[in-house]
């Protein structure tokens, strides 16, 4: 009777250690993969921004227009709608 309890506890601890180890491994792998993709997207965004800056400088335009948004398309609430 005692040996069954000991073997059951041993099996449960083995399963717990295995599950914990695999969980840590997969979560680390997932964070590494997501982090590398995030870094790649940041690098792409920087390259794209540098390309846009070069194009605007080549065309003689300012980097950011005074009217970044078209003022005719902005809908402002009337004074009574506050």
Protein backbone atom coordinates (compact mmCIF):
# COMPACT_ATOMS: atom_id res chain seq x y z
CA UNK A 1 0.00 0.00 0.00
CA UNK A 2 2.77 2.41 0.90
CA UNK A 3 4.76 1.64 -2.24
CA UNK A 4 1.77 2.49 -4.44
CA UNK A 5 1.48 5.93 -2.85
CA UNK A 6 5.19 6.59 -3.23
CA UNK A 7 5.20 5.53 -6.88
CA UNK A 8 2.11 7.64 -7.54
CA UNK A 9 3.75 10.70 -5.99
CA UNK A 10 6.93 10.04 -7.95
CA UNK A 11 4.98 9.80 -11.20
CA UNK A 12 3.08 13.01 -10.46
CA UNK A 13 6.27 14.90 -9.69
CA UNK A 14 7.85 13.54 -12.89
CA UNK A 15 4.82 14.72 -14.87
CA UNK A 16 4.89 18.11 -13.18
CA UNK A 17 8.58 18.62 -13.90
CA UNK A 18 8.16 17.51 -17.51
CA UNK A 19 5.14 19.74 -18.05
CA UNK A 20 6.84 22.74 -16.47
CA UNK A 21 10.01 22.23 -18.50
CA UNK A 22 8.13 21.88 -21.77
CA UNK A 23 5.95 24.88 -20.95
CA UNK A 24 9.00 27.03 -20.26
CA UNK A 25 10.66 25.82 -23.46
CA UNK A 26 7.65 26.52 -25.68
CA UNK A 27 6.91 29.91 -24.11
CA UNK A 28 10.55 30.93 -24.54
CA UNK A 29 10.47 29.79 -28.16
CA UNK A 30 7.22 31.67 -28.75
CA UNK A 31 8.54 34.92 -27.23
CA UNK A 32 11.76 34.59 -29.22
CA UNK A 33 9.82 34.11 -32.47
CA UNK A 34 7.41 36.96 -31.80
CA UNK A 35 10.24 39.23 -30.66
CA UNK A 36 12.25 38.58 -33.79
CA UNK A 37 9.23 39.34 -35.98
CA UNK A 38 8.58 42.53 -34.01
CA UNK A 39 12.17 43.60 -34.49
CA UNK A 40 11.93 42.89 -38.22
CA UNK A 41 8.76 44.97 -38.52
CA UNK A 42 10.44 47.86 -36.70
CA UNK A 43 13.39 47.68 -39.08
CA UNK A 44 11.02 47.63 -42.04
CA UNK A 45 9.16 50.67 -40.69
CA UNK A 46 12.43 52.56 -40.28
CA UNK A 47 13.56 51.71 -43.83
CA UNK A 48 10.18 52.79 -45.18
CA UNK A 49 10.34 56.09 -43.26
CA UNK A 50 13.85 56.78 -44.58
CA UNK A 51 12.63 56.05 -48.10
CA UNK A 52 9.70 58.48 -47.73
CA UNK A 53 12.04 61.16 -46.35
CA UNK A 54 14.40 60.74 -49.31
CA UNK A 55 11.51 60.96 -51.77
CA UNK A 56 10.12 64.13 -50.16
CA UNK A 57 13.59 65.74 -50.09
CA UNK A 58 14.10 64.83 -53.75
CA UNK A 59 10.76 66.44 -54.68
CA UNK A 60 11.55 69.53 -52.59
CA UNK A 61 8.62 69.01 -50.24
CA UNK A 62 8.76 69.53 -46.48
CA UNK A 63 9.02 66.37 -44.40
CA UNK A 64 5.61 66.99 -42.84
CA UNK A 65 3.03 69.27 -44.40
CA UNK A 66 1.53 72.11 -42.40
CA UNK A 67 -1.85 70.49 -42.96
CA UNK A 68 -1.02 66.87 -42.24
CA UNK A 69 -4.71 66.06 -42.67
CA UNK A 70 -6.86 67.69 -45.31
CA UNK A 71 -8.70 70.45 -43.41
CA UNK A 72 -11.73 70.10 -45.70
CA UNK A 73 -12.24 66.49 -44.54
CA UNK A 74 -12.08 67.21 -40.80
CA UNK A 75 -15.53 67.33 -39.23
CA UNK A 76 -15.62 69.50 -36.13
CA UNK A 77 -18.56 69.45 -33.72
CA UNK A 78 -20.64 72.58 -33.48
CA UNK A 79 -20.47 74.72 -30.34
CA UNK A 80 -23.74 73.25 -29.00
CA UNK A 81 -22.70 69.59 -29.28
CA UNK A 82 -20.11 69.64 -26.50
